Structure formats: C-alpha cells, structure tokens
C-alpha atoms as a PDB file:
ATOM      1  CA  MET A   1     113.283  98.504  88.656  1.00  0.00           C
ATOM      2  CA  LYS A   2     109.389  98.984  89.417  1.00  0.00           C
ATOM      3  CA  LYS A   3     106.768  99.200  86.990  1.00  0.00           C
ATOM      4  CA  ILE A   4     105.844 103.127  86.921  1.00  0.00           C
ATOM      5  CA  LYS A   5     102.391 103.205  88.346  1.00  0.00           C
ATOM      6  CA  ILE A   6      99.789 106.240  88.149  1.00  0.00           C
ATOM      7  CA  SER A   7      97.831 106.786  91.032  1.00  0.00           C
ATOM      8  CA  PRO A   8      95.183 109.332  89.688  1.00  0.00           C
ATOM      9  CA  SER A   9      93.434 111.889  92.980  1.00  0.00           C
ATOM     10  CA  ILE A  10      89.836 111.799  92.569  1.00  0.00           C
ATOM     11  CA  LEU A  11      90.226 115.291  94.262  1.00  0.00           C
ATOM     12  CA  SER A  12      90.303 116.654  91.033  1.00  0.00           C
ATOM     13  CA  ALA A  13      87.571 114.741  89.606  1.00  0.00           C
ATOM     14  CA  ASP A  14      83.574 115.968  89.338  1.00  0.00           C
ATOM     15  CA  PHE A  15      82.527 115.115  92.646  1.00  0.00           C
ATOM     16  CA  SER A  16      78.959 114.807  91.461  1.00  0.00           C
ATOM     17  CA  GLU A  17      79.749 112.043  89.050  1.00  0.00           C
ATOM     18  CA  LEU A  18      82.597 110.348  91.366  1.00  0.00           C
ATOM     19  CA  GLY A  19      81.625 106.470  90.586  1.00  0.00           C
ATOM     20  CA  LYS A  20      81.705 107.197  86.709  1.00  0.00           C
ATOM     21  CA  GLU A  21      84.830 109.488  87.175  1.00  0.00           C
ATOM     22  CA  ILE A  22      86.663 106.384  88.527  1.00  0.00           C
ATOM     23  CA  LYS A  23      85.264 103.580  86.333  1.00  0.00           C
ATOM     24  CA  ARG A  24      86.619 106.256  83.272  1.00  0.00           C
ATOM     25  CA  LEU A  25      90.026 105.867  85.272  1.00  0.00           C
ATOM     26  CA  GLU A  26      89.643 102.269  85.175  1.00  0.00           C
ATOM     27  CA  LYS A  27      89.322 102.203  81.745  1.00  0.00           C
ATOM     28  CA  ALA A  28      91.773 104.957  80.920  1.00  0.00           C
ATOM     29  CA  GLY A  29      94.775 102.969  82.497  1.00  0.00           C
ATOM     30  CA  ALA A  30      95.288 104.145  86.209  1.00  0.00           C
ATOM     31  CA  ASP A  31      96.846 101.606  88.084  1.00  0.00           C
ATOM     32  CA  MET A  32      95.187 102.652  91.710  1.00  0.00           C
ATOM     33  CA  ILE A  33      92.718 104.979  92.233  1.00  0.00           C
ATOM     34  CA  HIS A  34      94.173 108.051  95.102  1.00  0.00           C
ATOM     35  CA  VAL A  35      91.689 108.718  98.110  1.00  0.00           C
ATOM     36  CA  ASP A  36      92.284 111.886  99.640  1.00  0.00           C
ATOM     37  CA  VAL A  37      90.907 111.797 103.214  1.00  0.00           C
ATOM     38  CA  MET A  38      91.206 115.213 105.037  1.00  0.00           C
ATOM     39  CA  ASP A  39      89.623 116.190 108.333  1.00  0.00           C
ATOM     40  CA  GLY A  40      89.678 120.048 108.282  1.00  0.00           C
ATOM     41  CA  HIS A  41      91.906 119.742 111.642  1.00  0.00           C
ATOM     42  CA  PHE A  42      95.357 117.990 110.505  1.00  0.00           C
ATOM     43  CA  VAL A  43      94.940 119.933 107.376  1.00  0.00           C
ATOM     44  CA  PRO A  44      92.621 122.729 106.745  1.00  0.00           C
ATOM     45  CA  ASN A  45      90.238 121.281 104.058  1.00  0.00           C
ATOM     46  CA  LEU A  46      87.625 118.757 104.289  1.00  0.00           C
ATOM     47  CA  THR A  47      86.806 116.179 101.995  1.00  0.00           C
ATOM     48  CA  ILE A  48      85.283 112.605 101.890  1.00  0.00           C
ATOM     49  CA  GLY A  49      84.783 110.011 104.455  1.00  0.00           C
ATOM     50  CA  PRO A  50      83.873 105.885 104.812  1.00  0.00           C
ATOM     51  CA  PRO A  51      80.514 106.195 103.412  1.00  0.00           C
ATOM     52  CA  VAL A  52      81.682 107.579 100.400  1.00  0.00           C
ATOM     53  CA  ILE A  53      84.621 105.228  99.824  1.00  0.00           C
ATOM     54  CA  LYS A  54      82.212 102.279 100.523  1.00  0.00           C
ATOM     55  CA  ALA A  55      79.604 103.423  98.033  1.00  0.00           C
ATOM     56  CA  LEU A  56      82.570 103.930  95.469  1.00  0.00           C
ATOM     57  CA  ARG A  57      83.880 100.533  96.074  1.00  0.00           C
ATOM     58  CA  LYS A  58      81.634  98.541  93.818  1.00  0.00           C
ATOM     59  CA  HIS A  59      82.276 101.094  90.732  1.00  0.00           C
ATOM     60  CA  CYS A  60      85.898  99.783  90.571  1.00  0.00           C
ATOM     61  CA  SER A  61      88.151  96.967  90.827  1.00  0.00           C
ATOM     62  CA  LEU A  62      91.219  98.845  91.198  1.00  0.00           C
ATOM     63  CA  LYS A  63      93.143  98.996  94.742  1.00  0.00           C
ATOM     64  CA  PHE A  64      91.712 102.298  96.506  1.00  0.00           C
ATOM     65  CA  ASP A  65      94.902 103.915  97.947  1.00  0.00           C
ATOM     66  CA  VAL A  66      93.790 105.920 100.850  1.00  0.00           C
ATOM     67  CA  HIS A  67      95.629 108.672 102.189  1.00  0.00           C
ATOM     68  CA  LEU A  68      94.885 109.732 105.699  1.00  0.00           C
ATOM     69  CA  MET A  69      94.954 113.183 106.298  1.00  0.00           C
ATOM     70  CA  ILE A  70      93.323 113.093 109.996  1.00  0.00           C
ATOM     71  CA  SER A  71      94.182 113.372 113.264  1.00  0.00           C
ATOM     72  CA  PRO A  72      93.959 111.249 115.600  1.00  0.00           C
ATOM     73  CA  VAL A  73      94.187 108.326 113.090  1.00  0.00           C
ATOM     74  CA  HIS A  74      94.358 105.566 114.892  1.00  0.00           C
ATOM     75  CA  GLU A  75      90.879 105.410 115.853  1.00  0.00           C
ATOM     76  CA  TYR A  76      89.662 105.882 112.180  1.00  0.00           C
ATOM     77  CA  ILE A  77      92.064 103.080 110.780  1.00  0.00           C
ATOM     78  CA  GLU A  78      89.228 100.088 110.889  1.00  0.00           C
ATOM     79  CA  ALA A  79      86.506 102.210 109.335  1.00  0.00           C
ATOM     80  CA  TYR A  80      88.291 102.678 106.122  1.00  0.00           C
ATOM     81  CA  ALA A  81      89.762  99.398 105.977  1.00  0.00           C
ATOM     82  CA  ASP A  82      86.080  98.142 106.239  1.00  0.00           C
ATOM     83  CA  ALA A  83      84.925 100.904 103.467  1.00  0.00           C
ATOM     84  CA  GLY A  84      87.504  99.077 101.141  1.00  0.00           C
ATOM     85  CA  ALA A  85      90.816 100.660 101.354  1.00  0.00           C
ATOM     86  CA  ASP A  86      93.348  98.475  99.747  1.00  0.00           C
ATOM     87  CA  ILE A  87      96.535 100.828 100.976  1.00  0.00           C
ATOM     88  CA  ILE A  88      95.939 103.134 103.993  1.00  0.00           C
ATOM     89  CA  THR A  89      98.439 105.811 104.279  1.00  0.00           C
ATOM     90  CA  ILE A  90      99.020 107.693 107.452  1.00  0.00           C
ATOM     91  CA  HIS A  91     101.068 110.797 108.904  1.00  0.00           C
ATOM     92  CA  PRO A  92     103.408 109.650 111.839  1.00  0.00           C
ATOM     93  CA  GLU A  93     102.216 113.241 113.320  1.00  0.00           C
ATOM     94  CA  ALA A  94      98.754 112.004 113.492  1.00  0.00           C
ATOM     95  CA  THR A  95      98.994 109.270 115.818  1.00  0.00           C
ATOM     96  CA  ASN A  96     100.452 108.550 119.149  1.00  0.00           C
ATOM     97  CA  ASN A  97     101.991 105.437 118.374  1.00  0.00           C
ATOM     98  CA  LEU A  98     103.195 104.805 114.725  1.00  0.00           C
ATOM     99  CA  SER A  99     104.075 101.216 115.628  1.00  0.00           C
ATOM    100  CA  GLU A 100     100.659 100.635 116.904  1.00  0.00           C
ATOM    101  CA  SER A 101      98.841 102.068 113.856  1.00  0.00           C
ATOM    102  CA  ILE A 102     101.100 100.044 111.801  1.00  0.00           C
ATOM    103  CA  TYR A 103     100.390  96.842 113.304  1.00  0.00           C
ATOM    104  CA  LYS A 104      96.648  97.804 113.260  1.00  0.00           C
ATOM    105  CA  ILE A 105      96.656  98.280 109.428  1.00  0.00           C
ATOM    106  CA  LYS A 106      98.179  95.087 108.997  1.00  0.00           C
ATOM    107  CA  GLU A 107      96.325  93.266 111.438  1.00  0.00           C
ATOM    108  CA  LEU A 108      93.184  94.266 109.155  1.00  0.00           C
ATOM    109  CA  LYS A 109      95.117  92.715 106.133  1.00  0.00           C
ATOM    110  CA  LYS A 110      95.584  95.883 104.567  1.00  0.00           C
ATOM    111  CA  LYS A 111      99.143  97.604 102.777  1.00  0.00           C
ATOM    112  CA  VAL A 112     100.650 100.334 105.228  1.00  0.00           C
ATOM    113  CA  GLY A 113     101.546 103.538 103.866  1.00  0.00           C
ATOM    114  CA  ILE A 114     103.479 106.393 105.938  1.00  0.00           C
ATOM    115  CA  SER A 115     103.470 109.864 104.123  1.00  0.00           C
ATOM    116  CA  LEU A 116     106.121 112.670 104.797  1.00  0.00           C
ATOM    117  CA  ASN A 117     105.388 116.070 104.808  1.00  0.00           C
ATOM    118  CA  PRO A 118     107.478 118.365 102.888  1.00  0.00           C
ATOM    119  CA  GLU A 119     109.284 119.363 106.261  1.00  0.00           C
ATOM    120  CA  THR A 120     109.273 115.712 107.705  1.00  0.00           C
ATOM    121  CA  LYS A 121     112.783 114.075 107.891  1.00  0.00           C
ATOM    122  CA  THR A 122     113.004 110.311 106.986  1.00  0.00           C
ATOM    123  CA  ASP A 123     114.568 109.598 110.267  1.00  0.00           C
ATOM    124  CA  VAL A 124     111.152 109.866 111.725  1.00  0.00           C
ATOM    125  CA  ILE A 125     110.427 106.060 109.544  1.00  0.00           C
ATOM    126  CA  LYS A 126     113.765 104.860 108.871  1.00  0.00           C
ATOM    127  CA  LYS A 127     113.352 101.908 111.603  1.00  0.00           C
ATOM    128  CA  TYR A 128     109.585 101.105 109.772  1.00  0.00           C
ATOM    129  CA  LEU A 129     110.813 100.894 106.445  1.00  0.00           C
ATOM    130  CA  LYS A 130     110.952  97.109 106.603  1.00  0.00           C
ATOM    131  CA  ASP A 131     107.768  96.876 108.064  1.00  0.00           C
ATOM    132  CA  ILE A 132     105.623  98.746 105.511  1.00  0.00           C
ATOM    133  CA  ASP A 133     104.385  98.692 101.967  1.00  0.00           C
ATOM    134  CA  LEU A 134     104.549 102.331 100.580  1.00  0.00           C
ATOM    135  CA  VAL A 135     106.237 105.483 101.720  1.00  0.00           C
ATOM    136  CA  LEU A 136     104.455 108.561 100.331  1.00  0.00           C
ATOM    137  CA  ILE A 137     106.711 111.831  99.767  1.00  0.00           C
ATOM    138  CA  MET A 138     104.423 114.999  99.760  1.00  0.00           C
ATOM    139  CA  SER A 139     105.692 117.498  97.281  1.00  0.00           C
ATOM    140  CA  VAL A 140     103.692 119.958  98.240  1.00  0.00           C
ATOM    141  CA  HIS A 141     102.036 121.051 101.658  1.00  0.00           C
ATOM    142  CA  PRO A 142      98.678 118.968 102.147  1.00  0.00           C
ATOM    143  CA  GLY A 143      95.207 120.194 101.939  1.00  0.00           C
ATOM    144  CA  PHE A 144      94.527 121.393  98.654  1.00  0.00           C
ATOM    145  CA  GLY A 145      95.067 120.424  94.950  1.00  0.00           C
ATOM    146  CA  GLY A 146      96.544 122.570  92.341  1.00  0.00           C
ATOM    147  CA  GLN A 147      99.713 123.543  94.347  1.00  0.00           C
ATOM    148  CA  LYS A 148     103.228 123.914  92.714  1.00  0.00           C
ATOM    149  CA  PHE A 149     105.530 121.005  92.832  1.00  0.00           C
ATOM    150  CA  MET A 150     108.322 121.585  95.583  1.00  0.00           C
ATOM    151  CA  PRO A 151     111.478 119.899  94.051  1.00  0.00           C
ATOM    152  CA  GLU A 152     113.605 119.711  97.115  1.00  0.00           C
ATOM    153  CA  VAL A 153     111.530 116.997  98.496  1.00  0.00           C
ATOM    154  CA  LEU A 154     113.387 114.987  95.675  1.00  0.00           C
ATOM    155  CA  ASP A 155     116.250 114.463  97.968  1.00  0.00           C
ATOM    156  CA  LYS A 156     114.080 112.367 100.024  1.00  0.00           C
ATOM    157  CA  VAL A 157     112.923 110.264  97.392  1.00  0.00           C
ATOM    158  CA  ARG A 158     116.908 109.691  96.363  1.00  0.00           C
ATOM    159  CA  GLU A 159     117.426 108.766 100.028  1.00  0.00           C
ATOM    160  CA  LEU A 160     114.924 106.108 100.393  1.00  0.00           C
ATOM    161  CA  LYS A 161     115.870 104.891  97.082  1.00  0.00           C
ATOM    162  CA  THR A 162     119.419 104.347  98.162  1.00  0.00           C
ATOM    163  CA  ILE A 163     118.066 102.827 102.006  1.00  0.00           C
ATOM    164  CA  HIS A 164     115.805 100.542  99.506  1.00  0.00           C
ATOM    165  CA  LYS A 165     118.470  99.066  97.281  1.00  0.00           C
ATOM    166  CA  ASP A 166     121.134  99.026 100.001  1.00  0.00           C
ATOM    167  CA  GLN A 167     119.060  97.019 102.385  1.00  0.00           C
ATOM    168  CA  ASN A 168     117.062  95.153  99.839  1.00  0.00           C
ATOM    169  CA  LEU A 169     113.439  96.232 100.845  1.00  0.00           C
ATOM    170  CA  THR A 170     110.335  96.094  99.230  1.00  0.00           C
ATOM    171  CA  PHE A 171     108.357  99.297  99.721  1.00  0.00           C
ATOM    172  CA  ASP A 172     107.071 101.258  96.954  1.00  0.00           C
ATOM    173  CA  ILE A 173     108.211 105.022  96.936  1.00  0.00           C
ATOM    174  CA  GLU A 174     104.699 107.218  95.929  1.00  0.00           C
ATOM    175  CA  ILE A 175     104.965 110.988  95.433  1.00  0.00           C
ATOM    176  CA  ASP A 176     101.992 113.323  95.314  1.00  0.00           C
ATOM    177  CA  GLY A 177     101.494 117.147  94.535  1.00  0.00           C
ATOM    178  CA  GLY A 178     102.024 118.970  91.815  1.00  0.00           C
ATOM    179  CA  ILE A 179     102.850 116.101  89.495  1.00  0.00           C
ATOM    180  CA  ASN A 180     102.848 117.062  86.032  1.00  0.00           C
ATOM    181  CA  PHE A 181     104.485 116.577  82.364  1.00  0.00           C
ATOM    182  CA  GLU A 182     107.405 118.733  83.566  1.00  0.00           C
ATOM    183  CA  ASN A 183     108.632 117.486  86.260  1.00  0.00           C
ATOM    184  CA  SER A 184     107.391 113.499  86.252  1.00  0.00           C
ATOM    185  CA  GLN A 185     110.638 112.328  85.078  1.00  0.00           C
ATOM    186  CA  SER A 186     112.626 114.185  87.681  1.00  0.00           C
ATOM    187  CA  ALA A 187     110.514 112.367  90.324  1.00  0.00           C
ATOM    188  CA  ILE A 188     111.071 108.732  88.600  1.00  0.00           C
ATOM    189  CA  ASP A 189     114.647 109.585  87.908  1.00  0.00           C
ATOM    190  CA  ALA A 190     114.911 110.458  91.755  1.00  0.00           C
ATOM    191  CA  GLY A 191     113.403 106.816  92.801  1.00  0.00           C
ATOM    192  CA  ALA A 192     109.873 107.265  92.797  1.00  0.00           C
ATOM    193  CA  ASN A 193     107.660 104.566  91.252  1.00  0.00           C
ATOM    194  CA  ILE A 194     103.908 105.556  91.903  1.00  0.00           C
ATOM    195  CA  LEU A 195     102.888 108.977  90.642  1.00  0.00           C
ATOM    196  CA  VAL A 196      99.896 110.693  92.479  1.00  0.00           C
ATOM    197  CA  SER A 197      98.167 113.331  89.883  1.00  0.00           C
ATOM    198  CA  GLY A 198      95.175 114.633  89.839  1.00  0.00           C
ATOM    199  CA  THR A 199      94.826 118.318  88.209  1.00  0.00           C
ATOM    200  CA  THR A 200      97.177 117.104  85.612  1.00  0.00           C
ATOM    201  CA  ILE A 201      95.119 113.742  84.651  1.00  0.00           C
ATOM    202  CA  PHE A 202      91.796 115.403  85.083  1.00  0.00           C
ATOM    203  CA  LYS A 203      92.611 119.092  83.386  1.00  0.00           C
ATOM    204  CA  SER A 204      95.536 118.719  80.475  1.00  0.00           C
ATOM    205  CA  ASN A 205      94.835 118.030  76.892  1.00  0.00           C
ATOM    206  CA  ASN A 206      91.177 119.138  77.263  1.00  0.00           C
ATOM    207  CA  GLY A 207      90.600 116.353  79.774  1.00  0.00           C
ATOM    208  CA  ASP A 208      91.783 113.437  77.673  1.00  0.00           C
ATOM    209  CA  ILE A 209      92.374 111.113  80.916  1.00  0.00           C
ATOM    210  CA  LYS A 210      93.691 108.209  79.267  1.00  0.00           C
ATOM    211  CA  LYS A 211      96.458 110.461  76.962  1.00  0.00           C
ATOM    212  CA  ASN A 212      97.550 112.367  80.169  1.00  0.00           C
ATOM    213  CA  ILE A 213      97.755 108.860  82.203  1.00  0.00           C
ATOM    214  CA  GLU A 214     100.269 107.438  79.611  1.00  0.00           C
ATOM    215  CA  LEU A 215     102.022 110.867  78.998  1.00  0.00           C
ATOM    216  CA  LEU A 216     102.942 110.809  82.747  1.00  0.00           C
ATOM    217  CA  LYS A 217     104.096 107.307  82.601  1.00  0.00           C
ATOM    218  CA  SER A 218     106.375 107.637  79.452  1.00  0.00           C
ATOM    219  CA  SER A 219     107.367 111.325  80.083  1.00  0.00           C
END
C-alpha cells in the first residue's frame, strides 16, 4: 500500500502571507503543496496565476501539486509548467483533446493528473490510466473551499483502486473536497493515498497545522 500523503490546499491560507504559509506547511510535515487555479469560467471563482506560483516556488522545496480548473486548459499548460508546477492536473471537460493535453504535460517533463468532478464517470479516463500519474477525485463541486464532503464519490475511489491493483498500475489516487478528521479514514480505506485539505489544516485546533497534518495521516 502506498504511504498516505497530505497535500494542503493553500486556498485556505492567508493570501497576504503565502510565502510564509507554505514555509510553515513544509516545516509542519506536508508532503506537497496543493495549488487550486480557478478562472471564473470553468468554475465560478478566481484564484492565482503563473506569476504567483513562480514567486512562491523559491519559498518551498516541496512538490507543487497544481490543479487547473480553467478552460480551455491546453494553451495554459506550458505557462504553469514554466512557473514551477511539478504535477499538473486537468479536467477532461476543459480540453478539446485529452490525449494531446496529457502528451503536452509529459513532454514538459511534468507529472500528469486528471480530475473527475463528482458527476464525471470513471469511464472518461479508463483508457488513459496507464499513461498518467494521478487521478484527483473531487468530493465537492469545484470552485469554493469549505464545502461538505460527498461520500458517494468514494465508489469511484474504490473502483479506481481495484483497477490499480488488477492492472498493476502506478497512478496515485488523490481526493479533494471537505476532507476532515471524521471522513479522512473512509477516503483512505476506499483507496485514496493523497488527501487534499484546506480548511481542516489551517483552521482546526486553533490553526496548529502540524497537529492537523499528523491527525489526517493517522485518522
């Protein structure tokens, strides 16, 4: 079984102190940094772009796990790769040619992730599983932090875990949306090995992010 990793979402961090915030996360034991990129079009919110990621890169040695919720995504892949993304995760609905977008990310020597919204079926990505590094299961509707976890998406996690085992594949299974101390174990039991969490890590236990990361890993 793969080691459980925690990818804190900086969507819940103090945006006026982002450099310091990601340094805090690194010292607290985070395994990677989850960066939510939203365009106000594919999802109803706006966040950060390549210049901010590039500026943050020098503050942290952890991998940047960059989730692109933008459409059309293909033409922006290179900009995020150049800015310092290590993993680039895209949505099938956001590209006209998923194969081409996967190839472009690989060509730029970055890890490839594909994200599935709560209503998106696994059938959309099954033929690509041998070519990608990560599947991100959204357990909320993307666009805003602080939403309630949708347990029904765990069926997709279980299905992907079975495929992973039966076909001896290597992709990670990441889950994002409403992850907290009450549901993290059910996500791990279903087969997720990377947990994305924002509100719980930054706000619980009076903002003790080290304790919160440890609790999520061991819950």
